[in-house]
Amino acid sequence: MTDNNQNSREQFYQYISGQNLTPLWESLHHLVPKTPNANCAPAYWNYQEIRPLLLESGSLIGAKEAVRRVLVLENPALRGQSSITATLYAGLQLIMPGEVAPSHRHNQSALRFIVEGKGAFTAVDGERTPMNEGDFILTPQWRWHDHGNPGDEPVIWLDGLD
């Protein structure tokens, strides 16, 4: 590349930057590497080992204080990031009888697989859906949703967000 071409590119990049644009060709090699760039470690979580810890959390921290009583499945290579991979979040959430997790929304879509319990609900934009063991529920991104448990037993589900 000639100095003239380099100067022209720099001027072009500076101009398009002012238009809130950036050239993909300058970053594509980082976004789509030729070889995998795995920054996660293989990991395993045993539900039977986690379950008593999650139930203990129900006696240690109230729903109002916790807002969401969740034990995050955190990849050991991503400590402090609350992530199971570089692009995914997963956690086991507990809602005790009589509790409500207040309405909220987020830019990620969320999936919920009900691991244990019955009688709880999730409400998306005010529409309630029952949550019973074995159910799978999807909440689209940016939709207001809350969870409640008017039942008489704890309900646990796996939360996944993209």
Protein backbone atom coordinates (compact mmCIF):
# COMPACT_ATOMS: atom_id res chain seq x y z
CA MET A 1 0.00 0.00 0.00
CA THR A 2 1.32 3.41 -0.90
CA ASP A 3 1.53 6.34 1.51
CA ASN A 4 -1.06 8.15 -0.63
CA ASN A 5 -3.46 5.20 -0.37
CA GLN A 6 -2.87 4.98 3.40
CA ASN A 7 -3.61 8.70 3.81
CA SER A 8 -6.77 8.39 1.70
CA ARG A 9 -7.96 5.48 3.83
CA GLU A 10 -7.30 7.33 7.06
CA GLN A 11 -9.24 10.35 5.78
CA PHE A 12 -12.05 8.08 4.64
CA TYR A 13 -12.16 6.29 8.02
CA GLN A 14 -12.16 9.59 9.86
CA TYR A 15 -15.01 10.89 7.72
CA ILE A 16 -17.20 7.79 8.08
CA SER A 17 -16.50 7.73 11.81
CA GLY A 18 -18.22 11.12 12.00
CA GLN A 19 -21.22 9.44 10.37
CA ASN A 20 -21.21 6.72 13.07
CA LEU A 21 -19.94 4.16 10.56
CA THR A 22 -16.99 1.80 10.71
CA PRO A 23 -15.52 -0.52 8.06
CA LEU A 24 -16.22 -4.19 8.75
CA TRP A 25 -13.12 -5.23 6.82
CA GLU A 26 -10.95 -3.68 9.51
CA SER A 27 -12.42 -5.84 12.28
CA LEU A 28 -13.75 -8.91 10.47
CA HIS A 29 -10.65 -10.96 11.19
CA HIS A 30 -11.30 -10.48 14.93
CA LEU A 31 -15.02 -11.21 14.61
CA VAL A 32 -14.63 -14.29 12.43
CA PRO A 33 -11.30 -15.91 13.33
CA LYS A 34 -9.85 -18.71 11.20
CA THR A 35 -9.50 -20.88 14.28
CA PRO A 36 -11.73 -21.06 17.35
CA ASN A 37 -10.99 -18.61 20.12
CA ALA A 38 -12.42 -20.55 23.02
CA ASN A 39 -12.28 -18.48 26.17
CA CYS A 40 -14.47 -20.83 28.20
CA ALA A 41 -13.59 -23.91 30.16
CA PRO A 42 -15.56 -27.14 30.08
CA ALA A 43 -17.76 -27.22 33.16
CA TYR A 44 -20.30 -29.45 34.86
CA TRP A 45 -23.03 -28.63 37.37
CA ASN A 46 -24.91 -31.34 39.25
CA TYR A 47 -28.49 -30.34 40.07
CA GLN A 48 -28.65 -32.63 43.10
CA GLU A 49 -25.64 -30.78 44.56
CA ILE A 50 -26.95 -27.32 43.67
CA ARG A 51 -30.53 -27.89 44.85
CA PRO A 52 -29.81 -27.82 48.62
CA LEU A 53 -27.73 -24.66 48.17
CA LEU A 54 -30.54 -22.98 46.25
CA LEU A 55 -33.08 -23.97 48.91
CA GLU A 56 -30.72 -22.69 51.62
CA SER A 57 -30.55 -19.36 49.78
CA GLY A 58 -34.34 -19.20 50.18
CA SER A 59 -33.92 -19.05 53.96
CA LEU A 60 -30.95 -16.67 53.86
CA ILE A 61 -32.16 -13.97 51.50
CA GLY A 62 -35.70 -12.76 50.95
CA ALA A 63 -37.24 -12.19 47.54
CA LYS A 64 -37.42 -8.41 48.01
CA GLU A 65 -33.75 -8.18 48.92
CA ALA A 66 -32.62 -10.56 46.19
CA VAL A 67 -35.03 -9.26 43.52
CA ARG A 68 -34.11 -12.48 41.67
CA ARG A 69 -32.96 -15.39 43.85
CA VAL A 70 -30.65 -17.07 41.37
CA LEU A 71 -27.50 -19.12 41.60
CA VAL A 72 -25.65 -18.30 38.38
CA LEU A 73 -23.93 -21.14 36.55
CA GLU A 74 -20.67 -19.29 36.07
CA ASN A 75 -18.00 -20.69 33.78
CA PRO A 76 -14.77 -21.13 35.77
CA ALA A 77 -12.84 -19.32 33.03
CA LEU A 78 -15.23 -16.34 33.20
CA ARG A 79 -15.24 -15.65 36.94
CA GLY A 80 -16.98 -12.42 37.87
CA GLN A 81 -18.86 -12.17 34.55
CA SER A 82 -22.02 -14.10 35.51
CA SER A 83 -21.76 -15.99 32.23
CA ILE A 84 -21.80 -19.64 31.28
CA THR A 85 -20.17 -18.78 27.92
CA ALA A 86 -19.01 -15.54 26.33
CA THR A 87 -22.52 -15.01 24.92
CA LEU A 88 -24.87 -16.95 27.21
CA TYR A 89 -26.15 -16.63 30.77
CA ALA A 90 -27.65 -19.50 32.77
CA GLY A 91 -28.83 -19.71 36.33
CA LEU A 92 -31.15 -21.66 38.59
CA GLN A 93 -33.87 -19.46 40.03
CA LEU A 94 -35.90 -20.21 43.15
CA ILE A 95 -39.24 -18.67 43.99
CA MET A 96 -40.76 -19.65 47.31
CA PRO A 97 -44.50 -19.95 48.05
CA GLY A 98 -46.16 -16.54 48.30
CA GLU A 99 -43.31 -14.68 46.60
CA VAL A 100 -43.41 -12.39 43.59
CA ALA A 101 -40.41 -11.39 41.50
CA PRO A 102 -41.30 -7.88 40.28
CA SER A 103 -41.87 -6.94 36.68
CA HIS A 104 -38.80 -6.20 34.61
CA ARG A 105 -37.50 -6.46 31.07
CA HIS A 106 -34.13 -6.86 29.36
CA ASN A 107 -32.62 -6.80 25.91
CA GLN A 108 -31.96 -10.55 25.92
CA SER A 109 -34.55 -13.17 25.11
CA ALA A 110 -35.05 -15.54 28.03
CA LEU A 111 -35.90 -19.19 28.23
CA ARG A 112 -37.10 -20.98 31.31
CA PHE A 113 -37.15 -24.72 31.84
CA ILE A 114 -39.07 -25.60 34.99
CA VAL A 115 -36.94 -28.12 36.86
CA GLU A 116 -39.03 -28.63 39.97
CA GLY A 117 -42.36 -27.63 41.48
CA LYS A 118 -45.77 -26.48 40.35
CA GLY A 119 -48.22 -23.68 40.91
CA ALA A 120 -46.04 -20.72 39.94
CA PHE A 121 -46.54 -18.45 36.95
CA THR A 122 -44.75 -16.07 34.68
CA ALA A 123 -46.67 -13.14 33.26
CA VAL A 124 -45.53 -11.56 29.99
CA ASP A 125 -47.15 -8.19 29.28
CA GLY A 126 -49.70 -9.10 31.96
CA GLU A 127 -50.66 -12.48 30.47
CA ARG A 128 -50.07 -15.29 32.96
CA THR A 129 -48.61 -18.63 31.94
CA PRO A 130 -48.49 -21.46 34.48
CA MET A 131 -45.06 -22.81 35.39
CA ASN A 132 -45.02 -26.51 36.21
CA GLU A 133 -42.23 -29.07 36.31
CA GLY A 134 -41.11 -29.97 32.79
CA ASP A 135 -42.57 -26.84 31.14
CA PHE A 136 -40.48 -24.74 28.77
CA ILE A 137 -41.28 -21.02 28.46
CA LEU A 138 -39.81 -18.36 26.18
CA THR A 139 -39.94 -14.65 26.95
CA PRO A 140 -39.03 -12.44 23.96
CA GLN A 141 -36.63 -9.58 24.50
CA TRP A 142 -37.86 -6.25 25.89
CA ARG A 143 -41.18 -7.71 27.05
CA TRP A 144 -42.27 -6.81 30.56
CA HIS A 145 -42.51 -9.95 32.68
CA ASP A 146 -42.75 -11.03 36.28
CA HIS A 147 -42.97 -14.30 38.19
CA GLY A 148 -45.08 -15.34 41.14
CA ASN A 149 -45.71 -18.40 43.25
CA PRO A 150 -49.18 -18.53 44.82
CA GLY A 151 -48.66 -22.29 45.30
CA ASP A 152 -47.54 -24.16 48.38
CA GLU A 153 -44.14 -25.46 47.27
CA PRO A 154 -40.87 -23.95 46.03
CA VAL A 155 -40.47 -23.72 42.26
CA ILE A 156 -37.07 -23.90 40.59
CA TRP A 157 -36.27 -23.22 36.97
CA LEU A 158 -33.28 -22.90 34.72
CA ASP A 159 -33.00 -19.40 33.27
CA GLY A 160 -31.12 -18.96 30.03
CA LEU A 161 -30.47 -15.63 28.32
CA ASP A 162 -28.72 -14.96 25.04
